[in-house]
N, C-alpha and C. Protein backbone atom coordinates (compact mmCIF):
# COMPACT_ATOMS: atom_id res chain seq x y z
N MET A 1 3.61 -5.83 9.93
CA MET A 1 3.87 -4.45 9.60
C MET A 1 3.43 -4.19 8.17
N LEU A 2 3.43 -2.99 7.79
CA LEU A 2 2.96 -2.66 6.45
C LEU A 2 4.03 -2.91 5.41
N ALA A 3 3.75 -3.84 4.54
CA ALA A 3 4.68 -4.09 3.45
C ALA A 3 4.55 -3.02 2.42
N ALA A 4 3.66 -2.14 2.64
CA ALA A 4 3.49 -1.04 1.73
C ALA A 4 4.64 -0.09 1.82
N THR A 5 5.68 -0.50 2.50
CA THR A 5 6.85 0.35 2.58
C THR A 5 7.56 0.34 1.26
N LEU A 6 6.97 0.63 0.27
CA LEU A 6 7.62 0.84 -0.99
C LEU A 6 7.09 1.97 -1.79
N ALA A 7 6.71 1.02 -2.55
CA ALA A 7 5.92 0.89 -3.51
C ALA A 7 6.39 -0.13 -3.44
N ALA A 8 -3.76 -7.53 -8.81
CA ALA A 8 -3.19 -7.84 -9.71
C ALA A 8 -4.28 -8.67 -10.34
N SER A 9 -5.49 -8.59 -11.02
CA SER A 9 -6.51 -9.46 -11.65
C SER A 9 -6.52 -9.42 -13.17
N GLY A 10 -5.53 -9.67 -13.92
CA GLY A 10 -5.53 -9.52 -15.37
C GLY A 10 -4.64 -8.35 -15.73
N ALA A 11 -4.83 -7.80 -16.90
CA ALA A 11 -3.95 -6.71 -17.34
C ALA A 11 -4.72 -5.42 -17.51
N HIS A 12 -5.20 -4.88 -16.43
CA HIS A 12 -5.96 -3.63 -16.47
C HIS A 12 -5.04 -2.45 -16.22
N ALA A 13 -5.19 -1.41 -16.97
CA ALA A 13 -4.46 -0.18 -16.71
C ALA A 13 -5.28 0.66 -15.76
N ALA A 14 -4.72 1.75 -15.31
CA ALA A 14 -5.46 2.64 -14.43
C ALA A 14 -6.71 3.09 -15.15
N PRO A 15 -7.83 3.16 -14.43
CA PRO A 15 -9.08 3.52 -15.08
C PRO A 15 -9.05 4.93 -15.63
N ALA A 16 -9.63 5.09 -16.81
CA ALA A 16 -9.74 6.42 -17.39
C ALA A 16 -10.98 7.08 -16.82
N ALA A 17 -10.82 8.25 -16.26
CA ALA A 17 -11.95 8.95 -15.67
C ALA A 17 -11.69 10.44 -15.75
N SER A 18 -12.77 11.21 -15.75
CA SER A 18 -12.60 12.65 -15.81
C SER A 18 -12.14 13.19 -14.46
N ALA A 19 -12.54 12.55 -13.38
CA ALA A 19 -12.13 12.98 -12.05
C ALA A 19 -10.94 12.13 -11.61
N PRO A 20 -10.05 12.72 -10.80
CA PRO A 20 -8.92 11.92 -10.31
C PRO A 20 -9.40 10.80 -9.39
N SER A 21 -8.64 9.74 -9.33
CA SER A 21 -8.98 8.63 -8.46
C SER A 21 -9.07 9.09 -7.01
N PRO A 22 -10.07 8.62 -6.26
CA PRO A 22 -10.15 8.97 -4.85
C PRO A 22 -9.00 8.38 -4.04
N LEU A 23 -8.27 7.46 -4.62
CA LEU A 23 -7.10 6.87 -3.97
C LEU A 23 -5.98 7.90 -3.83
N PHE A 24 -5.87 8.80 -4.82
CA PHE A 24 -4.77 9.75 -4.84
C PHE A 24 -4.90 10.75 -3.70
N GLY A 25 -3.79 10.95 -3.00
CA GLY A 25 -3.73 11.82 -1.84
C GLY A 25 -2.87 11.17 -0.78
N ARG A 26 -2.86 11.77 0.39
CA ARG A 26 -2.05 11.27 1.50
C ARG A 26 -2.96 10.69 2.57
N TRP A 27 -2.53 9.53 3.13
CA TRP A 27 -3.32 8.76 4.08
C TRP A 27 -2.49 8.40 5.31
N ALA A 28 -3.10 8.46 6.49
CA ALA A 28 -2.42 8.07 7.73
C ALA A 28 -3.15 6.89 8.35
N VAL A 29 -2.40 5.87 8.78
CA VAL A 29 -3.00 4.70 9.41
C VAL A 29 -3.42 5.06 10.83
N ASP A 30 -4.52 4.47 11.27
CA ASP A 30 -4.96 4.59 12.66
C ASP A 30 -4.23 3.52 13.44
N THR A 31 -3.09 3.88 14.04
CA THR A 31 -2.26 2.90 14.73
C THR A 31 -2.98 2.27 15.93
N SER A 32 -3.96 2.95 16.50
CA SER A 32 -4.69 2.39 17.65
C SER A 32 -5.51 1.16 17.27
N ARG A 33 -5.77 0.98 15.98
CA ARG A 33 -6.57 -0.15 15.52
C ARG A 33 -5.71 -1.29 14.98
N MET A 34 -4.40 -1.16 15.08
CA MET A 34 -3.52 -2.22 14.58
C MET A 34 -3.54 -3.40 15.54
N ASP A 35 -3.55 -4.60 14.95
CA ASP A 35 -3.64 -5.84 15.71
C ASP A 35 -2.27 -6.26 16.23
N MET A 36 -1.77 -5.48 17.19
CA MET A 36 -0.49 -5.78 17.83
C MET A 36 -0.45 -5.02 19.15
N PRO A 37 0.38 -5.45 20.07
CA PRO A 37 0.46 -4.74 21.35
C PRO A 37 0.81 -3.27 21.12
N PRO A 38 0.22 -2.38 21.90
CA PRO A 38 0.46 -0.94 21.71
C PRO A 38 1.94 -0.56 21.67
N GLU A 39 2.76 -1.20 22.50
CA GLU A 39 4.18 -0.84 22.54
C GLU A 39 4.93 -1.28 21.28
N ALA A 40 4.37 -2.18 20.50
CA ALA A 40 5.00 -2.66 19.27
C ALA A 40 4.52 -1.91 18.03
N ARG A 41 3.45 -1.16 18.16
CA ARG A 41 2.88 -0.46 17.00
C ARG A 41 3.80 0.65 16.53
N PRO A 42 3.82 0.90 15.23
CA PRO A 42 4.58 2.06 14.75
C PRO A 42 3.97 3.33 15.31
N LYS A 43 4.79 4.36 15.44
CA LYS A 43 4.29 5.66 15.90
C LYS A 43 3.42 6.30 14.82
N SER A 44 3.82 6.09 13.55
CA SER A 44 3.02 6.62 12.45
C SER A 44 3.34 5.88 11.16
N VAL A 45 2.33 5.82 10.28
CA VAL A 45 2.48 5.28 8.94
C VAL A 45 1.68 6.18 8.02
N THR A 46 2.35 6.73 7.02
CA THR A 46 1.69 7.61 6.06
C THR A 46 1.97 7.09 4.65
N LEU A 47 0.92 6.96 3.85
CA LEU A 47 1.04 6.58 2.44
C LEU A 47 0.56 7.75 1.59
N ALA A 48 1.20 7.97 0.48
CA ALA A 48 0.73 8.97 -0.48
C ALA A 48 0.71 8.31 -1.86
N PHE A 49 -0.47 8.28 -2.46
CA PHE A 49 -0.64 7.76 -3.81
C PHE A 49 -0.83 8.94 -4.75
N SER A 50 -0.25 8.84 -5.96
CA SER A 50 -0.42 9.91 -6.93
C SER A 50 -0.49 9.34 -8.34
N ASP A 51 -1.06 10.12 -9.23
CA ASP A 51 -1.10 9.76 -10.64
C ASP A 51 0.24 10.18 -11.23
N ALA A 52 1.07 9.20 -11.60
CA ALA A 52 2.40 9.48 -12.14
C ALA A 52 2.38 9.61 -13.66
N GLY A 53 1.18 9.55 -14.27
CA GLY A 53 1.06 9.67 -15.72
C GLY A 53 1.41 8.38 -16.43
N GLY A 54 0.94 8.23 -17.62
CA GLY A 54 1.26 7.07 -18.44
C GLY A 54 0.80 5.75 -17.85
N GLY A 55 -0.31 5.76 -17.10
CA GLY A 55 -0.81 4.52 -16.50
C GLY A 55 0.01 4.06 -15.31
N LYS A 56 0.77 4.97 -14.69
CA LYS A 56 1.59 4.63 -13.54
C LYS A 56 1.06 5.31 -12.28
N VAL A 57 1.33 4.64 -11.14
CA VAL A 57 0.91 5.15 -9.84
C VAL A 57 2.16 5.43 -9.01
N GLY A 58 2.25 6.63 -8.47
CA GLY A 58 3.33 6.97 -7.57
C GLY A 58 2.93 6.60 -6.14
N LEU A 59 3.88 6.11 -5.37
CA LEU A 59 3.62 5.74 -3.99
C LEU A 59 4.79 6.18 -3.13
N THR A 60 4.47 6.90 -2.06
CA THR A 60 5.45 7.28 -1.06
C THR A 60 4.99 6.71 0.26
N VAL A 61 5.91 6.07 0.99
CA VAL A 61 5.60 5.47 2.28
C VAL A 61 6.56 6.03 3.31
N ASP A 62 6.02 6.54 4.42
CA ASP A 62 6.82 7.01 5.54
C ASP A 62 6.35 6.30 6.79
N ILE A 63 7.28 5.61 7.46
CA ILE A 63 6.95 4.89 8.69
C ILE A 63 7.91 5.32 9.78
N VAL A 64 7.36 5.59 10.96
CA VAL A 64 8.16 5.79 12.16
C VAL A 64 7.81 4.63 13.07
N PHE A 65 8.77 3.71 13.25
CA PHE A 65 8.55 2.53 14.08
C PHE A 65 8.55 2.88 15.56
N ALA A 66 8.10 1.95 16.39
CA ALA A 66 8.02 2.16 17.83
C ALA A 66 9.36 2.55 18.43
N ASP A 67 10.45 2.02 17.88
CA ASP A 67 11.79 2.31 18.41
C ASP A 67 12.37 3.61 17.85
N GLY A 68 11.60 4.33 17.02
CA GLY A 68 12.05 5.59 16.44
C GLY A 68 12.71 5.45 15.08
N LYS A 69 13.03 4.22 14.66
CA LYS A 69 13.62 4.00 13.33
C LYS A 69 12.61 4.45 12.28
N THR A 70 13.11 5.03 11.20
CA THR A 70 12.23 5.51 10.14
C THR A 70 12.53 4.82 8.82
N VAL A 71 11.51 4.73 7.99
CA VAL A 71 11.63 4.21 6.63
C VAL A 71 10.93 5.21 5.72
N HIS A 72 11.60 5.58 4.65
CA HIS A 72 11.02 6.46 3.63
C HIS A 72 11.27 5.78 2.29
N THR A 73 10.19 5.43 1.61
CA THR A 73 10.30 4.75 0.33
C THR A 73 9.46 5.49 -0.70
N VAL A 74 10.01 5.67 -1.89
CA VAL A 74 9.30 6.33 -2.99
C VAL A 74 9.41 5.43 -4.20
N GLY A 75 8.29 5.25 -4.91
CA GLY A 75 8.33 4.44 -6.11
C GLY A 75 7.26 4.85 -7.09
N THR A 76 7.46 4.44 -8.33
CA THR A 76 6.48 4.63 -9.39
C THR A 76 6.29 3.28 -10.05
N ASN A 77 5.04 2.83 -10.09
CA ASN A 77 4.76 1.50 -10.62
C ASN A 77 3.75 1.58 -11.75
N PRO A 78 3.97 0.79 -12.82
CA PRO A 78 2.92 0.67 -13.82
C PRO A 78 1.71 0.00 -13.16
N ALA A 79 0.53 0.41 -13.54
CA ALA A 79 -0.70 -0.13 -12.94
C ALA A 79 -1.27 -1.26 -13.78
N ASP A 80 -0.38 -2.04 -14.42
CA ASP A 80 -0.84 -3.12 -15.30
C ASP A 80 -0.39 -4.50 -14.84
N GLY A 81 0.09 -4.62 -13.60
CA GLY A 81 0.52 -5.90 -13.07
C GLY A 81 1.97 -6.25 -13.35
N THR A 82 2.72 -5.35 -13.98
CA THR A 82 4.13 -5.57 -14.27
C THR A 82 4.95 -5.46 -12.99
N SER A 83 5.83 -6.42 -12.76
CA SER A 83 6.70 -6.38 -11.58
C SER A 83 7.84 -5.39 -11.79
N VAL A 84 8.11 -4.61 -10.75
CA VAL A 84 9.22 -3.66 -10.77
C VAL A 84 10.00 -3.78 -9.47
N PRO A 85 11.29 -3.43 -9.48
CA PRO A 85 12.07 -3.49 -8.25
C PRO A 85 11.59 -2.47 -7.23
N VAL A 86 11.76 -2.82 -5.96
CA VAL A 86 11.47 -1.92 -4.84
C VAL A 86 12.79 -1.71 -4.11
N VAL A 87 13.11 -0.47 -3.82
CA VAL A 87 14.35 -0.15 -3.12
C VAL A 87 14.01 0.55 -1.81
N GLY A 88 14.62 0.11 -0.72
CA GLY A 88 14.46 0.79 0.55
C GLY A 88 13.41 0.22 1.46
N SER A 89 12.73 -0.84 1.07
CA SER A 89 11.69 -1.43 1.90
C SER A 89 12.25 -2.60 2.68
N PRO A 90 11.92 -2.70 3.97
CA PRO A 90 12.35 -3.87 4.74
C PRO A 90 11.50 -5.10 4.46
N GLU A 91 10.41 -4.93 3.70
CA GLU A 91 9.48 -6.03 3.49
C GLU A 91 9.37 -6.52 2.06
N ALA A 92 9.92 -5.78 1.09
CA ALA A 92 9.76 -6.19 -0.31
C ALA A 92 10.91 -5.67 -1.15
N ASP A 93 11.27 -6.48 -2.17
CA ASP A 93 12.25 -6.00 -3.14
C ASP A 93 11.67 -5.99 -4.56
N ALA A 94 10.38 -6.37 -4.68
CA ALA A 94 9.67 -6.29 -5.96
C ALA A 94 8.19 -6.09 -5.69
N ALA A 95 7.54 -5.39 -6.61
CA ALA A 95 6.10 -5.13 -6.47
C ALA A 95 5.44 -5.12 -7.83
N ALA A 96 4.17 -5.51 -7.84
CA ALA A 96 3.32 -5.38 -9.02
C ALA A 96 2.00 -4.81 -8.53
N MET A 97 1.41 -3.91 -9.31
CA MET A 97 0.12 -3.35 -8.88
C MET A 97 -0.80 -3.15 -10.05
N GLU A 98 -2.08 -3.17 -9.71
CA GLU A 98 -3.14 -2.84 -10.67
C GLU A 98 -4.10 -1.89 -9.99
N HIS A 99 -4.72 -1.07 -10.81
CA HIS A 99 -5.70 -0.07 -10.34
C HIS A 99 -7.00 -0.35 -11.11
N PRO A 100 -7.69 -1.47 -10.76
CA PRO A 100 -8.82 -1.93 -11.57
C PRO A 100 -10.06 -1.05 -11.50
N GLN A 101 -10.20 -0.30 -10.42
CA GLN A 101 -11.32 0.63 -10.25
C GLN A 101 -10.76 1.91 -9.66
N ALA A 102 -11.45 3.00 -9.83
CA ALA A 102 -10.94 4.29 -9.35
C ALA A 102 -10.63 4.27 -7.86
N ASN A 103 -11.39 3.53 -7.07
CA ASN A 103 -11.21 3.53 -5.61
C ASN A 103 -10.48 2.29 -5.10
N VAL A 104 -9.91 1.47 -5.98
CA VAL A 104 -9.25 0.22 -5.57
C VAL A 104 -7.86 0.11 -6.19
N LEU A 105 -6.90 -0.33 -5.38
CA LEU A 105 -5.57 -0.64 -5.87
C LEU A 105 -5.18 -1.98 -5.27
N VAL A 106 -4.64 -2.87 -6.11
CA VAL A 106 -4.19 -4.20 -5.66
C VAL A 106 -2.68 -4.25 -5.88
N MET A 107 -1.95 -4.68 -4.84
CA MET A 107 -0.50 -4.73 -4.90
C MET A 107 0.00 -6.08 -4.42
N GLY A 108 0.89 -6.68 -5.20
CA GLY A 108 1.56 -7.91 -4.80
C GLY A 108 3.01 -7.60 -4.52
N LEU A 109 3.52 -8.08 -3.39
CA LEU A 109 4.90 -7.82 -2.99
C LEU A 109 5.67 -9.13 -2.82
N SER A 110 6.96 -9.10 -3.13
CA SER A 110 7.81 -10.27 -2.88
C SER A 110 9.14 -9.80 -2.32
N MET A 111 9.82 -10.75 -1.69
CA MET A 111 11.15 -10.49 -1.13
C MET A 111 12.02 -11.70 -1.44
N GLY A 112 13.11 -11.48 -2.14
CA GLY A 112 14.01 -12.56 -2.48
C GLY A 112 13.37 -13.64 -3.34
N GLY A 113 12.43 -13.25 -4.19
CA GLY A 113 11.77 -14.20 -5.07
C GLY A 113 10.66 -14.99 -4.41
N VAL A 114 10.34 -14.67 -3.17
CA VAL A 114 9.28 -15.37 -2.43
C VAL A 114 8.12 -14.40 -2.19
N PRO A 115 6.88 -14.83 -2.43
CA PRO A 115 5.75 -13.94 -2.16
C PRO A 115 5.78 -13.44 -0.72
N ALA A 116 5.59 -12.15 -0.55
CA ALA A 116 5.59 -11.54 0.79
C ALA A 116 4.17 -11.24 1.24
N SER A 117 3.40 -10.53 0.41
CA SER A 117 2.02 -10.22 0.76
C SER A 117 1.29 -9.70 -0.47
N THR A 118 -0.03 -9.75 -0.37
CA THR A 118 -0.91 -9.11 -1.34
C THR A 118 -1.72 -8.11 -0.56
N ARG A 119 -1.87 -6.91 -1.10
CA ARG A 119 -2.58 -5.84 -0.42
C ARG A 119 -3.66 -5.28 -1.33
N VAL A 120 -4.82 -5.06 -0.75
CA VAL A 120 -5.92 -4.45 -1.47
C VAL A 120 -6.31 -3.18 -0.72
N TYR A 121 -6.17 -2.04 -1.41
CA TYR A 121 -6.54 -0.75 -0.85
C TYR A 121 -7.89 -0.37 -1.43
N ALA A 122 -8.83 0.01 -0.57
CA ALA A 122 -10.16 0.41 -1.04
C ALA A 122 -10.58 1.68 -0.32
N VAL A 123 -10.90 2.70 -1.10
CA VAL A 123 -11.35 3.98 -0.56
C VAL A 123 -12.86 3.92 -0.39
N ALA A 124 -13.34 4.36 0.77
CA ALA A 124 -14.77 4.40 1.05
C ALA A 124 -15.46 5.40 0.12
N PRO A 125 -16.78 5.22 -0.09
CA PRO A 125 -17.52 6.12 -0.99
C PRO A 125 -17.40 7.61 -0.63
N ASP A 126 -17.25 7.93 0.67
CA ASP A 126 -17.14 9.34 1.05
C ASP A 126 -15.74 9.92 0.78
N GLY A 127 -14.77 9.06 0.40
CA GLY A 127 -13.43 9.51 0.08
C GLY A 127 -12.59 9.91 1.28
N LYS A 128 -13.09 9.72 2.49
CA LYS A 128 -12.38 10.17 3.69
C LYS A 128 -11.60 9.06 4.38
N THR A 129 -11.97 7.80 4.12
CA THR A 129 -11.29 6.68 4.77
C THR A 129 -10.90 5.63 3.73
N MET A 130 -9.93 4.81 4.10
CA MET A 130 -9.45 3.76 3.21
C MET A 130 -9.06 2.56 4.08
N THR A 131 -9.33 1.37 3.56
CA THR A 131 -8.86 0.16 4.23
C THR A 131 -7.78 -0.49 3.38
N GLU A 132 -6.89 -1.18 4.06
CA GLU A 132 -5.86 -1.98 3.41
C GLU A 132 -6.01 -3.39 3.98
N VAL A 133 -6.39 -4.33 3.14
CA VAL A 133 -6.46 -5.74 3.57
C VAL A 133 -5.18 -6.39 3.09
N VAL A 134 -4.47 -6.99 4.04
CA VAL A 134 -3.17 -7.61 3.76
C VAL A 134 -3.32 -9.12 3.88
N SER A 135 -2.97 -9.85 2.83
CA SER A 135 -2.96 -11.31 2.85
C SER A 135 -1.50 -11.74 2.84
N PHE A 136 -1.13 -12.62 3.79
CA PHE A 136 0.26 -13.02 3.94
C PHE A 136 0.32 -14.42 4.56
N TYR A 137 1.52 -14.93 4.72
CA TYR A 137 1.73 -16.22 5.37
C TYR A 137 2.45 -16.00 6.69
N THR A 138 1.98 -16.69 7.73
CA THR A 138 2.62 -16.60 9.04
C THR A 138 3.96 -17.33 9.02
N ASN A 139 4.73 -17.20 10.09
CA ASN A 139 6.01 -17.92 10.20
C ASN A 139 5.80 -19.42 10.19
N GLU A 140 4.58 -19.87 10.52
CA GLU A 140 4.26 -21.30 10.50
C GLU A 140 3.77 -21.75 9.13
N GLY A 141 3.74 -20.83 8.15
CA GLY A 141 3.33 -21.18 6.80
C GLY A 141 1.83 -21.19 6.57
N LYS A 142 1.07 -20.62 7.49
CA LYS A 142 -0.39 -20.60 7.35
C LYS A 142 -0.84 -19.25 6.77
N PRO A 143 -1.85 -19.27 5.90
CA PRO A 143 -2.35 -18.00 5.37
C PRO A 143 -3.04 -17.21 6.47
N ALA A 144 -2.90 -15.90 6.40
CA ALA A 144 -3.53 -15.01 7.38
C ALA A 144 -3.86 -13.69 6.70
N MET A 145 -4.72 -12.93 7.34
CA MET A 145 -5.08 -11.61 6.83
C MET A 145 -5.17 -10.63 7.99
N ARG A 146 -4.94 -9.37 7.67
CA ARG A 146 -5.13 -8.30 8.65
C ARG A 146 -5.61 -7.07 7.89
N THR A 147 -6.27 -6.18 8.60
CA THR A 147 -6.80 -4.97 7.99
C THR A 147 -6.24 -3.75 8.70
N HIS A 148 -5.83 -2.76 7.92
CA HIS A 148 -5.39 -1.47 8.45
C HIS A 148 -6.39 -0.41 8.01
N TYR A 149 -6.60 0.56 8.86
CA TYR A 149 -7.59 1.60 8.62
C TYR A 149 -6.88 2.95 8.49
N PHE A 150 -7.16 3.63 7.39
CA PHE A 150 -6.52 4.90 7.09
C PHE A 150 -7.53 6.04 7.04
N THR A 151 -7.05 7.23 7.33
CA THR A 151 -7.83 8.46 7.20
C THR A 151 -7.08 9.38 6.24
N ARG A 152 -7.84 10.04 5.38
CA ARG A 152 -7.21 10.98 4.43
C ARG A 152 -6.68 12.16 5.21
N VAL A 153 -5.42 12.54 4.94
CA VAL A 153 -4.84 13.73 5.56
C VAL A 153 -4.56 14.83 4.54
N ALA A 154 -4.62 14.49 3.25
CA ALA A 154 -4.46 15.50 2.21
C ALA A 154 -4.98 14.96 0.90
N SER A 155 -5.57 15.82 0.11
CA SER A 155 -6.01 15.46 -1.24
C SER A 155 -4.88 15.74 -2.20
N PRO A 156 -4.99 15.21 -3.43
CA PRO A 156 -3.90 15.43 -4.40
C PRO A 156 -3.65 16.89 -4.67
């Protein structure tokens, strides 16, 4: 599932640019492309990234799971790799993120002091789609990756 239910290469702050980052806006995952049985897929997953000022990134996550349970998480994170608490996420209680390029965000998540996942969000050059590559460990302790595909549903 998406550990992005919340809200890292050195100490980079959010890039300074005259135009807003193409990352900022609201995104919906294409649940039909999720690598899980259709009956187990969430009904919807929406992420909203925003410029929170002062080198911080705002993140709102809304998930409606297959069973109808919902998760709504809102956070503001410094984009310099500093770890901050996450409240309300079933997958993470701490996060660190960096925004090394205007179209890229890297996020590291942990739960109970144990690494949970690393996520790399990359917006396509046309600004209409975004991928999220998730690196995590399976229950057997083996590294694994999965990719989620998003479509922009609103600009900032």
